[in-house]
C-alpha atoms as a PDB file:
ATOM      1  CA  UNK A   1      -7.306  -7.564  -0.836  1.00  0.00           C
ATOM      2  CA  UNK A   2      -4.241  -5.577   0.246  1.00  0.00           C
ATOM      3  CA  UNK A   3      -6.552  -3.029   1.886  1.00  0.00           C
ATOM      4  CA  UNK A   4      -8.079  -5.737   4.102  1.00  0.00           C
ATOM      5  CA  UNK A   5      -4.726  -6.915   5.444  1.00  0.00           C
ATOM      6  CA  UNK A   6      -4.184  -4.152   8.026  1.00  0.00           C
ATOM      7  CA  UNK A   7      -7.642  -4.667   9.450  1.00  0.00           C
ATOM      8  CA  UNK A   8      -7.105  -8.412   9.848  1.00  0.00           C
ATOM      9  CA  UNK A   9      -3.809  -7.666  11.588  1.00  0.00           C
ATOM     10  CA  UNK A  10      -5.466  -5.068  13.820  1.00  0.00           C
ATOM     11  CA  UNK A  11      -8.141  -7.541  14.816  1.00  0.00           C
ATOM     12  CA  UNK A  12      -5.458 -10.080  15.672  1.00  0.00           C
ATOM     13  CA  UNK A  13      -3.243  -7.560  17.505  1.00  0.00           C
ATOM     14  CA  UNK A  14      -5.983  -6.605  19.988  1.00  0.00           C
ATOM     15  CA  UNK A  15      -6.583 -10.249  20.914  1.00  0.00           C
ATOM     16  CA  UNK A  16      -5.851 -10.585  24.641  1.00  0.00           C
ATOM     17  CA  UNK A  17      -2.797 -12.415  25.944  1.00  0.00           C
ATOM     18  CA  UNK A  18      -2.997 -16.191  26.207  1.00  0.00           C
ATOM     19  CA  UNK A  19      -0.702 -19.016  27.360  1.00  0.00           C
ATOM     20  CA  UNK A  20       1.263 -19.076  24.101  1.00  0.00           C
ATOM     21  CA  UNK A  21       1.483 -15.259  23.885  1.00  0.00           C
ATOM     22  CA  UNK A  22       1.766 -13.935  27.469  1.00  0.00           C
ATOM     23  CA  UNK A  23       2.411 -10.370  26.264  1.00  0.00           C
ATOM     24  CA  UNK A  24      -0.453 -10.320  23.764  1.00  0.00           C
ATOM     25  CA  UNK A  25      -0.551 -10.272  19.970  1.00  0.00           C
ATOM     26  CA  UNK A  26       0.551  -6.672  19.335  1.00  0.00           C
ATOM     27  CA  UNK A  27       3.400  -7.670  17.026  1.00  0.00           C
ATOM     28  CA  UNK A  28       0.890  -8.923  14.435  1.00  0.00           C
ATOM     29  CA  UNK A  29       0.368  -5.306  13.397  1.00  0.00           C
ATOM     30  CA  UNK A  30       4.070  -4.709  12.825  1.00  0.00           C
ATOM     31  CA  UNK A  31       4.311  -7.963  10.889  1.00  0.00           C
ATOM     32  CA  UNK A  32       1.467  -6.834   8.596  1.00  0.00           C
ATOM     33  CA  UNK A  33       3.233  -3.503   8.041  1.00  0.00           C
ATOM     34  CA  UNK A  34       6.426  -5.377   7.106  1.00  0.00           C
ATOM     35  CA  UNK A  35       4.541  -7.573   4.611  1.00  0.00           C
ATOM     36  CA  UNK A  36       3.032  -4.482   2.985  1.00  0.00           C
ATOM     37  CA  UNK A  37       6.457  -2.861   2.733  1.00  0.00           C
ATOM     38  CA  UNK A  38       7.840  -5.965   1.004  1.00  0.00           C
ATOM     39  CA  UNK A  39       4.912  -6.022  -1.439  1.00  0.00           C
ATOM     40  CA  UNK A  40       5.361  -2.337  -2.276  1.00  0.00           C
ATOM     41  CA  UNK A  41       9.105  -2.862  -2.763  1.00  0.00           C
ATOM     42  CA  UNK A  42       8.405  -5.801  -5.093  1.00  0.00           C
ATOM     43  CA  UNK A  43       5.863  -3.804  -7.089  1.00  0.00           C
ATOM     44  CA  UNK A  44       8.304  -0.913  -7.369  1.00  0.00           C
ATOM     45  CA  UNK A  45      11.031  -3.271  -8.586  1.00  0.00           C
ATOM     46  CA  UNK A  46       8.684  -4.692 -11.212  1.00  0.00           C
ATOM     47  CA  UNK A  47       7.736  -1.200 -12.408  1.00  0.00           C
ATOM     48  CA  UNK A  48      11.407  -0.223 -12.697  1.00  0.00           C
ATOM     49  CA  UNK A  49      12.204  -3.463 -14.552  1.00  0.00           C
ATOM     50  CA  UNK A  50       9.311  -2.899 -16.984  1.00  0.00           C
ATOM     51  CA  UNK A  51      10.394   0.684 -17.604  1.00  0.00           C
ATOM     52  CA  UNK A  52      13.966  -0.383 -18.351  1.00  0.00           C
ATOM     53  CA  UNK A  53      12.726  -3.073 -20.752  1.00  0.00           C
ATOM     54  CA  UNK A  54      10.589  -0.510 -22.596  1.00  0.00           C
ATOM     55  CA  UNK A  55      13.570   1.835 -22.874  1.00  0.00           C
ATOM     56  CA  UNK A  56      15.862  -0.929 -24.146  1.00  0.00           C
ATOM     57  CA  UNK A  57      13.344  -2.194 -26.716  1.00  0.00           C
ATOM     58  CA  UNK A  58      12.062   1.292 -27.643  1.00  0.00           C
ATOM     59  CA  UNK A  59       8.410   0.421 -27.094  1.00  0.00           C
ATOM     60  CA  UNK A  60       5.863   3.163 -26.543  1.00  0.00           C
ATOM     61  CA  UNK A  61       2.506   3.246 -24.839  1.00  0.00           C
ATOM     62  CA  UNK A  62      -0.318   4.959 -26.697  1.00  0.00           C
ATOM     63  CA  UNK A  63      -2.624   7.145 -24.585  1.00  0.00           C
ATOM     64  CA  UNK A  64      -6.304   6.182 -24.688  1.00  0.00           C
ATOM     65  CA  UNK A  65      -9.314   5.815 -22.408  1.00  0.00           C
ATOM     66  CA  UNK A  66      -7.021   4.312 -19.820  1.00  0.00           C
ATOM     67  CA  UNK A  67      -5.788   7.806 -19.022  1.00  0.00           C
ATOM     68  CA  UNK A  68      -9.247   8.768 -17.758  1.00  0.00           C
ATOM     69  CA  UNK A  69      -9.324   5.682 -15.541  1.00  0.00           C
ATOM     70  CA  UNK A  70      -5.857   6.490 -14.238  1.00  0.00           C
ATOM     71  CA  UNK A  71      -6.861  10.068 -13.377  1.00  0.00           C
ATOM     72  CA  UNK A  72      -9.918   8.824 -11.484  1.00  0.00           C
ATOM     73  CA  UNK A  73      -7.669   6.324  -9.701  1.00  0.00           C
ATOM     74  CA  UNK A  74      -5.211   9.059  -8.709  1.00  0.00           C
ATOM     75  CA  UNK A  75      -7.928  11.278  -7.260  1.00  0.00           C
ATOM     76  CA  UNK A  76      -9.662   8.450  -5.394  1.00  0.00           C
ATOM     77  CA  UNK A  77      -6.424   7.010  -4.026  1.00  0.00           C
ATOM     78  CA  UNK A  78      -5.282  10.444  -2.892  1.00  0.00           C
ATOM     79  CA  UNK A  79      -8.360  10.924  -0.724  1.00  0.00           C
ATOM     80  CA  UNK A  80      -8.231   7.362   0.630  1.00  0.00           C
ATOM     81  CA  UNK A  81      -4.580   7.827   1.541  1.00  0.00           C
ATOM     82  CA  UNK A  82      -5.250  11.107   3.349  1.00  0.00           C
ATOM     83  CA  UNK A  83      -8.089   9.513   5.311  1.00  0.00           C
ATOM     84  CA  UNK A  84      -5.967   6.515   6.300  1.00  0.00           C
ATOM     85  CA  UNK A  85      -3.135   8.850   7.410  1.00  0.00           C
ATOM     86  CA  UNK A  86      -5.544  10.626   9.750  1.00  0.00           C
ATOM     87  CA  UNK A  87      -6.831   7.315  11.113  1.00  0.00           C
ATOM     88  CA  UNK A  88      -3.265   6.022  11.588  1.00  0.00           C
ATOM     89  CA  UNK A  89      -2.284   9.171  13.517  1.00  0.00           C
ATOM     90  CA  UNK A  90      -5.402   8.962  15.676  1.00  0.00           C
ATOM     91  CA  UNK A  91      -4.949   5.267  16.485  1.00  0.00           C
ATOM     92  CA  UNK A  92      -1.154   5.013  16.360  1.00  0.00           C
ATOM     93  CA  UNK A  93      -1.501   2.000  14.065  1.00  0.00           C
ATOM     94  CA  UNK A  94       1.581   1.053  12.058  1.00  0.00           C
ATOM     95  CA  UNK A  95      -0.453  -1.289   9.844  1.00  0.00           C
ATOM     96  CA  UNK A  96      -2.867   1.467   8.809  1.00  0.00           C
ATOM     97  CA  UNK A  97       0.071   3.843   8.339  1.00  0.00           C
ATOM     98  CA  UNK A  98       1.746   1.271   6.075  1.00  0.00           C
ATOM     99  CA  UNK A  99      -1.462   0.937   4.086  1.00  0.00           C
ATOM    100  CA  UNK A 100      -1.725   4.735   3.747  1.00  0.00           C
ATOM    101  CA  UNK A 101       1.871   4.932   2.535  1.00  0.00           C
ATOM    102  CA  UNK A 102       1.212   2.073   0.106  1.00  0.00           C
ATOM    103  CA  UNK A 103      -1.713   3.944  -1.410  1.00  0.00           C
ATOM    104  CA  UNK A 104       0.353   7.161  -1.516  1.00  0.00           C
ATOM    105  CA  UNK A 105       3.037   5.286  -3.449  1.00  0.00           C
ATOM    106  CA  UNK A 106       0.325   4.155  -5.865  1.00  0.00           C
ATOM    107  CA  UNK A 107      -0.717   7.771  -6.362  1.00  0.00           C
ATOM    108  CA  UNK A 108       2.852   8.816  -7.204  1.00  0.00           C
ATOM    109  CA  UNK A 109       3.490   5.868  -9.505  1.00  0.00           C
ATOM    110  CA  UNK A 110       0.232   6.337 -11.431  1.00  0.00           C
ATOM    111  CA  UNK A 111       0.828  10.092 -11.626  1.00  0.00           C
ATOM    112  CA  UNK A 112       4.297   9.382 -13.018  1.00  0.00           C
ATOM    113  CA  UNK A 113       2.798   7.216 -15.728  1.00  0.00           C
ATOM    114  CA  UNK A 114       0.282   9.896 -16.685  1.00  0.00           C
END
């Protein structure tokens, strides 16, 4: 669902100006980028909190088939992120750029877990 958000915002941001919004709806894209940044920050905070709890309580995570899934996720997310970066540069879209950075952060966090 998070990947759909920038496209909904882009659709809204290209809506022509109306009586309530005489300068158009362009700020919808920036608002979507801000929401994504807040979500990524929250997820990062949760990951840090979980890591600290595991350190305090000396719990370990046993490697299993999940590692294979994580590696596939890293590779797939890497290519999606690169593609979205190119699209964001070509279109100048902050919402798509935020989505690309969100996916890049996922790549780094999953790689850190591996």
